[in-house]
C-alpha atoms as a PDB file:
ATOM      1  CA  MET A   1     -38.889 152.620-138.005  1.00  0.00           C
ATOM      2  CA  ARG A   2     -42.212 150.970-137.279  1.00  0.00           C
ATOM      3  CA  TYR A   3     -42.512 147.211-137.466  1.00  0.00           C
ATOM      4  CA  LYS A   4     -45.176 144.514-137.303  1.00  0.00           C
ATOM      5  CA  ALA A   5     -44.877 140.744-137.336  1.00  0.00           C
ATOM      6  CA  THR A   6     -47.079 137.748-136.604  1.00  0.00           C
ATOM      7  CA  HIS A   7     -46.033 134.228-135.604  1.00  0.00           C
ATOM      8  CA  ALA A   8     -47.925 131.035-134.794  1.00  0.00           C
ATOM      9  CA  LEU A   9     -46.563 129.316-131.685  1.00  0.00           C
ATOM     10  CA  LYS A  10     -47.394 125.773-130.562  1.00  0.00           C
ATOM     11  CA  GLY A  11     -48.920 125.264-127.139  1.00  0.00           C
ATOM     12  CA  THR A  12     -51.862 126.470-125.120  1.00  0.00           C
ATOM     13  CA  LEU A  13     -52.153 130.158-124.276  1.00  0.00           C
ATOM     14  CA  ASP A  14     -51.146 129.472-120.653  1.00  0.00           C
ATOM     15  CA  GLU A  15     -48.074 127.491-121.739  1.00  0.00           C
ATOM     16  CA  VAL A  16     -46.955 130.119-124.255  1.00  0.00           C
ATOM     17  CA  LEU A  17     -47.341 132.927-121.715  1.00  0.00           C
ATOM     18  CA  GLU A  18     -45.399 130.955-119.103  1.00  0.00           C
ATOM     19  CA  ILE A  19     -42.568 130.365-121.578  1.00  0.00           C
ATOM     20  CA  VAL A  20     -42.310 133.958-122.858  1.00  0.00           C
ATOM     21  CA  MET A  21     -42.504 135.396-119.341  1.00  0.00           C
ATOM     22  CA  ASP A  22     -39.409 133.360-118.406  1.00  0.00           C
ATOM     23  CA  ARG A  23     -36.818 135.898-119.526  1.00  0.00           C
ATOM     24  CA  SER A  24     -33.926 133.891-118.059  1.00  0.00           C
ATOM     25  CA  ARG A  25     -33.837 131.998-121.366  1.00  0.00           C
ATOM     26  CA  ASP A  26     -33.152 135.179-123.430  1.00  0.00           C
ATOM     27  CA  PRO A  27     -29.377 134.537-123.868  1.00  0.00           C
ATOM     28  CA  GLU A  28     -30.197 131.083-125.237  1.00  0.00           C
ATOM     29  CA  VAL A  29     -32.951 132.324-127.571  1.00  0.00           C
ATOM     30  CA  TYR A  30     -31.538 135.598-128.885  1.00  0.00           C
ATOM     31  CA  THR A  31     -27.998 135.577-130.271  1.00  0.00           C
ATOM     32  CA  ASN A  32     -27.288 139.217-129.446  1.00  0.00           C
ATOM     33  CA  ILE A  33     -28.378 138.961-125.782  1.00  0.00           C
ATOM     34  CA  THR A  34     -25.558 137.955-123.435  1.00  0.00           C
ATOM     35  CA  SER A  35     -27.343 138.635-120.140  1.00  0.00           C
ATOM     36  CA  ASN A  36     -30.759 139.560-118.819  1.00  0.00           C
ATOM     37  CA  ARG A  37     -31.406 140.336-115.174  1.00  0.00           C
ATOM     38  CA  ARG A  38     -34.839 141.054-113.741  1.00  0.00           C
ATOM     39  CA  THR A  39     -34.724 144.034-111.384  1.00  0.00           C
ATOM     40  CA  ARG A  40     -38.447 144.458-110.706  1.00  0.00           C
ATOM     41  CA  TRP A  41     -41.522 142.209-110.677  1.00  0.00           C
ATOM     42  CA  GLU A  42     -44.616 143.649-109.073  1.00  0.00           C
ATOM     43  CA  GLU A  43     -48.077 142.120-109.385  1.00  0.00           C
ATOM     44  CA  CYS A  44     -50.842 144.706-109.106  1.00  0.00           C
ATOM     45  CA  GLY A  45     -54.262 143.179-109.670  1.00  0.00           C
ATOM     46  CA  ASP A  46     -54.418 141.992-113.262  1.00  0.00           C
ATOM     47  CA  LYS A  47     -51.193 143.755-114.276  1.00  0.00           C
ATOM     48  CA  ILE A  48     -47.577 142.794-113.722  1.00  0.00           C
ATOM     49  CA  HIS A  49     -45.010 145.595-113.759  1.00  0.00           C
ATOM     50  CA  CYS A  50     -41.486 144.462-114.576  1.00  0.00           C
ATOM     51  CA  GLU A  51     -38.055 145.791-115.356  1.00  0.00           C
ATOM     52  CA  TYR A  52     -34.957 144.135-116.787  1.00  0.00           C
ATOM     53  CA  LEU A  53     -31.321 145.035-117.393  1.00  0.00           C
ATOM     54  CA  VAL A  54     -30.343 143.550-120.737  1.00  0.00           C
ATOM     55  CA  CYS A  55     -26.878 143.368-122.320  1.00  0.00           C
ATOM     56  CA  GLY A  56     -26.951 142.943-126.082  1.00  0.00           C
ATOM     57  CA  ASN A  57     -23.327 142.725-127.161  1.00  0.00           C
ATOM     58  CA  GLY A  58     -23.470 139.130-128.438  1.00  0.00           C
ATOM     59  CA  ASP A  59     -23.288 140.143-132.107  1.00  0.00           C
ATOM     60  CA  ILE A  60     -20.333 142.481-131.564  1.00  0.00           C
ATOM     61  CA  PRO A  61     -17.108 140.876-132.856  1.00  0.00           C
ATOM     62  CA  LYS A  62     -14.880 139.743-129.975  1.00  0.00           C
ATOM     63  CA  PRO A  63     -11.945 142.077-130.858  1.00  0.00           C
ATOM     64  CA  LEU A  64     -14.336 145.052-130.816  1.00  0.00           C
ATOM     65  CA  ARG A  65     -15.664 143.975-127.404  1.00  0.00           C
ATOM     66  CA  LEU A  66     -12.236 144.865-125.978  1.00  0.00           C
ATOM     67  CA  ILE A  67     -12.861 148.491-126.959  1.00  0.00           C
ATOM     68  CA  ALA A  68     -16.637 148.664-126.517  1.00  0.00           C
ATOM     69  CA  ALA A  69     -17.561 147.773-122.944  1.00  0.00           C
ATOM     70  CA  PRO A  70     -20.717 145.686-122.317  1.00  0.00           C
ATOM     71  CA  HIS A  71     -22.472 148.568-120.559  1.00  0.00           C
ATOM     72  CA  MET A  72     -22.358 150.463-123.866  1.00  0.00           C
ATOM     73  CA  PHE A  73     -24.771 147.827-125.233  1.00  0.00           C
ATOM     74  CA  THR A  74     -26.932 147.569-122.115  1.00  0.00           C
ATOM     75  CA  TRP A  75     -30.447 148.870-121.792  1.00  0.00           C
ATOM     76  CA  ARG A  76     -33.249 148.983-119.266  1.00  0.00           C
ATOM     77  CA  GLU A  77     -36.493 147.412-120.399  1.00  0.00           C
ATOM     78  CA  THR A  78     -39.535 148.677-118.531  1.00  0.00           C
ATOM     79  CA  GLY A  79     -42.784 146.907-119.210  1.00  0.00           C
ATOM     80  CA  HIS A  80     -46.080 145.686-117.961  1.00  0.00           C
ATOM     81  CA  TRP A  81     -48.181 142.640-118.659  1.00  0.00           C
ATOM     82  CA  ASP A  82     -51.895 143.174-119.171  1.00  0.00           C
ATOM     83  CA  MET A  83     -52.972 139.682-118.151  1.00  0.00           C
ATOM     84  CA  PRO A  84     -56.654 139.823-119.213  1.00  0.00           C
ATOM     85  CA  GLY A  85     -55.594 141.219-122.616  1.00  0.00           C
ATOM     86  CA  HIS A  86     -52.638 138.790-122.929  1.00  0.00           C
ATOM     87  CA  ALA A  87     -50.363 141.665-123.932  1.00  0.00           C
ATOM     88  CA  TYR A  88     -46.925 142.956-122.949  1.00  0.00           C
ATOM     89  CA  HIS A  89     -46.157 146.671-123.355  1.00  0.00           C
ATOM     90  CA  TYR A  90     -42.523 147.749-123.143  1.00  0.00           C
ATOM     91  CA  ARG A  91     -40.036 150.598-123.533  1.00  0.00           C
ATOM     92  CA  LEU A  92     -36.275 150.290-123.947  1.00  0.00           C
ATOM     93  CA  LYS A  93     -33.845 152.879-122.640  1.00  0.00           C
ATOM     94  CA  PRO A  94     -30.137 152.351-123.347  1.00  0.00           C
ATOM     95  CA  PHE A  95     -27.476 153.441-120.880  1.00  0.00           C
ATOM     96  CA  TYR A  96     -25.622 155.138-123.739  1.00  0.00           C
ATOM     97  CA  PHE A  97     -27.238 157.292-126.415  1.00  0.00           C
ATOM     98  CA  ALA A  98     -30.541 157.504-124.509  1.00  0.00           C
ATOM     99  CA  ASN A  99     -31.122 161.004-125.859  1.00  0.00           C
ATOM    100  CA  ILE A 100     -31.185 159.797-129.484  1.00  0.00           C
ATOM    101  CA  PHE A 101     -32.506 156.210-129.170  1.00  0.00           C
ATOM    102  CA  LYS A 102     -36.198 155.452-128.612  1.00  0.00           C
ATOM    103  CA  ALA A 103     -37.827 152.016-128.725  1.00  0.00           C
ATOM    104  CA  TRP A 104     -41.207 150.758-127.583  1.00  0.00           C
ATOM    105  CA  GLY A 105     -43.754 148.181-128.507  1.00  0.00           C
ATOM    106  CA  ILE A 106     -46.487 145.746-127.639  1.00  0.00           C
ATOM    107  CA  ILE A 107     -46.659 141.978-127.979  1.00  0.00           C
ATOM    108  CA  ARG A 108     -50.131 140.441-128.064  1.00  0.00           C
ATOM    109  CA  PHE A 109     -51.041 136.775-127.700  1.00  0.00           C
ATOM    110  CA  SER A 110     -54.326 135.171-128.771  1.00  0.00           C
ATOM    111  CA  GLU A 111     -55.603 131.613-129.007  1.00  0.00           C
ATOM    112  CA  ASN A 112     -55.689 130.094-132.471  1.00  0.00           C
ATOM    113  CA  GLY A 113     -57.062 126.682-131.580  1.00  0.00           C
ATOM    114  CA  PRO A 114     -56.459 124.219-128.746  1.00  0.00           C
ATOM    115  CA  GLU A 115     -52.673 123.926-129.295  1.00  0.00           C
ATOM    116  CA  SER A 116     -51.814 127.120-131.175  1.00  0.00           C
ATOM    117  CA  VAL A 117     -51.261 130.750-130.214  1.00  0.00           C
ATOM    118  CA  ILE A 118     -50.798 133.782-132.444  1.00  0.00           C
ATOM    119  CA  ARG A 119     -48.139 136.275-131.333  1.00  0.00           C
ATOM    120  CA  GLU A 120     -48.462 139.763-132.833  1.00  0.00           C
ATOM    121  CA  LEU A 121     -45.583 142.210-132.494  1.00  0.00           C
ATOM    122  CA  GLU A 122     -45.942 145.907-133.101  1.00  0.00           C
ATOM    123  CA  GLY A 123     -43.458 148.591-132.215  1.00  0.00           C
ATOM    124  CA  GLU A 124     -41.056 151.279-133.222  1.00  0.00           C
ATOM    125  CA  VAL A 125     -37.318 151.862-133.057  1.00  0.00           C
ATOM    126  CA  ARG A 126     -36.188 155.405-133.680  1.00  0.00           C
ATOM    127  CA  ILE A 127     -32.627 156.693-133.762  1.00  0.00           C
ATOM    128  CA  GLU A 128     -32.635 160.441-134.103  1.00  0.00           C
ATOM    129  CA  LEU A 129     -29.449 161.012-136.091  1.00  0.00           C
ATOM    130  CA  PRO A 130     -29.349 162.682-139.489  1.00  0.00           C
ATOM    131  CA  LEU A 131     -28.684 160.300-142.400  1.00  0.00           C
ATOM    132  CA  VAL A 132     -27.555 157.245-140.410  1.00  0.00           C
ATOM    133  CA  GLY A 133     -30.483 157.129-137.949  1.00  0.00           C
ATOM    134  CA  PRO A 134     -32.967 155.453-140.305  1.00  0.00           C
ATOM    135  CA  LEU A 135     -30.333 152.959-141.466  1.00  0.00           C
ATOM    136  CA  ALA A 136     -29.387 152.099-137.871  1.00  0.00           C
ATOM    137  CA  SER A 137     -33.081 151.770-136.950  1.00  0.00           C
ATOM    138  CA  ARG A 138     -33.667 149.370-139.861  1.00  0.00           C
ATOM    139  CA  THR A 139     -30.644 147.313-138.803  1.00  0.00           C
ATOM    140  CA  ILE A 140     -31.848 147.021-135.195  1.00  0.00           C
ATOM    141  CA  VAL A 141     -35.399 146.145-136.287  1.00  0.00           C
ATOM    142  CA  GLY A 142     -33.920 143.499-138.585  1.00  0.00           C
ATOM    143  CA  TYR A 143     -32.095 141.919-135.632  1.00  0.00           C
ATOM    144  CA  MET A 144     -35.205 142.073-133.461  1.00  0.00           C
ATOM    145  CA  LEU A 145     -37.468 140.488-136.068  1.00  0.00           C
ATOM    146  CA  GLY A 146     -34.816 137.860-136.837  1.00  0.00           C
ATOM    147  CA  ASN A 147     -34.647 136.961-133.145  1.00  0.00           C
ATOM    148  CA  TYR A 148     -38.429 136.617-132.908  1.00  0.00           C
ATOM    149  CA  GLU A 149     -38.512 134.514-136.094  1.00  0.00           C
ATOM    150  CA  LYS A 150     -35.792 132.208-134.719  1.00  0.00           C
ATOM    151  CA  GLU A 151     -37.679 131.854-131.441  1.00  0.00           C
ATOM    152  CA  ALA A 152     -40.903 130.975-133.291  1.00  0.00           C
ATOM    153  CA  HIS A 153     -39.120 128.237-135.280  1.00  0.00           C
ATOM    154  CA  GLU A 154     -37.577 126.786-132.120  1.00  0.00           C
ATOM    155  CA  PHE A 155     -40.627 127.191-129.876  1.00  0.00           C
ATOM    156  CA  ASP A 156     -41.340 123.433-129.852  1.00  0.00           C
ATOM    157  CA  LYS A 157     -38.102 122.958-127.902  1.00  0.00           C
ATOM    158  CA  TYR A 158     -39.216 125.346-125.141  1.00  0.00           C
ATOM    159  CA  LEU A 159     -42.700 123.834-125.056  1.00  0.00           C
ATOM    160  CA  MET A 160     -41.300 120.297-124.655  1.00  0.00           C
ATOM    161  CA  ARG A 161     -38.970 121.513-121.878  1.00  0.00           C
ATOM    162  CA  LEU A 162     -41.902 123.114-120.040  1.00  0.00           C
ATOM    163  CA  ARG A 163     -44.071 120.008-120.354  1.00  0.00           C
ATOM    164  CA  GLU A 164     -41.234 117.749-119.133  1.00  0.00           C
ATOM    165  CA  THR A 165     -40.705 120.026-116.120  1.00  0.00           C
ATOM    166  CA  ARG A 166     -44.414 119.936-115.321  1.00  0.00           C
ATOM    167  CA  LYS A 167     -44.490 116.106-115.581  1.00  0.00           C
ATOM    168  CA  SER A 168     -41.521 115.728-113.225  1.00  0.00           C
ATOM    169  CA  CYS A 169     -43.232 117.949-110.658  1.00  0.00           C
ATOM    170  CA  ASP A 170     -46.468 115.912-110.668  1.00  0.00           C
END
């Protein structure tokens, strides 16, 4: 299932990029993410290549977590930042069901005034299973878009935290 979404985020472009590149906050921001570990960060000219191991079992009911191990809901995110274009391109590859699950996308950021940034999301989630694949894809996209919407509504909190950190370092 293809998806698109646009959000206005408060802050300068530099501040917004600094906040969204800090993936250590993912478990706080996204309810389904329980851990996120960066395994690669390589700066090559105006591109940054990165890789993360992400566990997304936070929305799984606790009794079911006893049966379904965390690694069953873990995926590798491989991406790169195009710094001049203010864009992040990514692909997700789960540890389980990698032969039937495909997900990729791009997140673009552009200035919308002195203290506002537009974030545009575009991507696709595809689960190649007869009958249930499209339903599962829609469900996953719904979670993803809900997470991004929640983050956009709470972005002021992350911006204030960043500005306080910068003030204390001056």
